[in-house]
Amino acid sequence: MQKKKPVRQCVACREKKEKSQLVRVVRAPDGTISVDARGKAAGRGAYLCPTDSCLERAVKSRALQRALECEIPQETFERLRAQLKEGGDG
């Protein structure tokens, strides 16, 4: 019997994909926000497609702020954008 792969939903486009195809953005207990490349960091997480368009949509619709339950400054979005291009682990 084949093991089921975990599925998550992108907070921007609302598309459901396998967890491994999405990027997890996490708000750590200390309040820092970063891309969680391994998907194991402690804190509140939200999943995004690894594309600029989904990040932009999440910023514009405030979907990422709602999912992480906090305000996110513009500088943090710039850092997230750079981390997504690098492949995570900020």
Protein backbone atom coordinates (compact mmCIF):
# COMPACT_ATOMS: atom_id res chain seq x y z
CA MET A 1 0.00 0.00 0.00
CA GLN A 2 1.38 3.38 -1.04
CA LYS A 3 1.80 6.03 1.64
CA LYS A 4 -0.27 9.20 1.13
CA LYS A 5 1.75 12.37 0.66
CA PRO A 6 0.75 15.38 2.76
CA VAL A 7 -1.17 18.08 0.89
CA ARG A 8 -1.21 21.79 1.77
CA GLN A 9 -2.94 24.83 0.29
CA CYS A 10 -1.18 27.96 -0.98
CA VAL A 11 -2.48 30.97 0.97
CA ALA A 12 -2.33 33.13 -2.18
CA CYS A 13 -3.79 31.12 -5.08
CA ARG A 14 -5.61 28.59 -2.82
CA GLU A 15 -4.34 25.72 -4.98
CA LYS A 16 -3.76 22.42 -3.17
CA LYS A 17 -0.42 20.75 -3.83
CA GLU A 18 1.88 18.24 -2.23
CA LYS A 19 3.69 19.76 0.74
CA SER A 20 7.06 19.25 -1.00
CA GLN A 21 5.96 21.50 -3.90
CA LEU A 22 5.21 24.47 -1.65
CA VAL A 23 7.39 26.77 0.44
CA ARG A 24 6.64 27.23 4.14
CA VAL A 25 6.87 30.73 5.57
CA VAL A 26 7.08 30.63 9.35
CA ARG A 27 6.61 33.13 12.18
CA ALA A 28 8.95 31.89 14.88
CA PRO A 29 8.05 32.19 18.59
CA ASP A 30 10.36 35.24 18.80
CA GLY A 31 8.35 36.95 16.02
CA THR A 32 10.86 36.66 13.16
CA ILE A 33 9.45 35.69 9.79
CA SER A 34 11.44 33.61 7.34
CA VAL A 35 11.28 30.93 4.66
CA ASP A 36 11.48 27.48 6.26
CA ALA A 37 13.26 25.37 3.64
CA ARG A 38 13.04 22.12 5.64
CA GLY A 39 9.44 22.63 6.76
CA LYS A 40 10.30 21.72 10.35
CA ALA A 41 10.91 25.07 12.09
CA ALA A 42 8.92 25.83 15.24
CA GLY A 43 6.24 28.47 14.91
CA ARG A 44 3.14 29.33 12.94
CA GLY A 45 3.47 28.42 9.28
CA ALA A 46 1.81 29.28 6.00
CA TYR A 47 2.42 27.70 2.61
CA LEU A 48 3.06 29.48 -0.69
CA CYS A 49 3.80 28.36 -4.22
CA PRO A 50 7.51 29.15 -4.83
CA THR A 51 6.70 31.89 -7.34
CA ASP A 52 6.91 35.67 -7.26
CA SER A 53 3.30 35.89 -8.45
CA CYS A 54 1.97 33.98 -5.43
CA LEU A 55 4.10 36.03 -3.02
CA GLU A 56 2.83 39.25 -4.63
CA ARG A 57 -0.76 38.02 -4.43
CA ALA A 58 -0.28 37.08 -0.77
CA VAL A 59 1.09 40.57 -0.04
CA LYS A 60 -1.68 42.37 -1.92
CA SER A 61 -4.53 40.34 -0.42
CA ARG A 62 -2.92 40.28 3.06
CA ALA A 63 -3.34 36.49 3.02
CA LEU A 64 0.10 35.95 4.54
CA GLN A 65 -0.60 38.37 7.39
CA ARG A 66 -3.88 36.60 8.15
CA ALA A 67 -2.29 33.15 8.02
CA LEU A 68 0.62 34.14 10.28
CA GLU A 69 -1.62 36.29 12.50
CA CYS A 70 0.70 39.30 12.53
CA GLU A 71 1.56 42.48 10.65
CA ILE A 72 4.42 42.05 8.21
CA PRO A 73 6.60 45.06 7.36
CA GLN A 74 7.58 45.77 3.74
CA GLU A 75 11.27 45.04 4.50
CA THR A 76 10.27 41.53 5.57
CA PHE A 77 8.52 40.95 2.23
CA GLU A 78 11.70 42.07 0.44
CA ARG A 79 13.71 39.57 2.50
CA LEU A 80 11.18 36.79 1.80
CA ARG A 81 11.38 37.58 -1.91
CA ALA A 82 15.17 37.21 -1.80
CA GLN A 83 14.95 33.98 0.24
CA LEU A 84 12.47 32.47 -2.23
CA LYS A 85 14.90 33.20 -5.08
CA GLU A 86 17.74 31.56 -3.11
CA GLY A 87 15.63 28.55 -2.19
CA GLY A 88 14.96 29.30 1.49
CA ASP A 89 16.89 29.15 4.77
CA GLY A 90 17.19 32.85 5.58
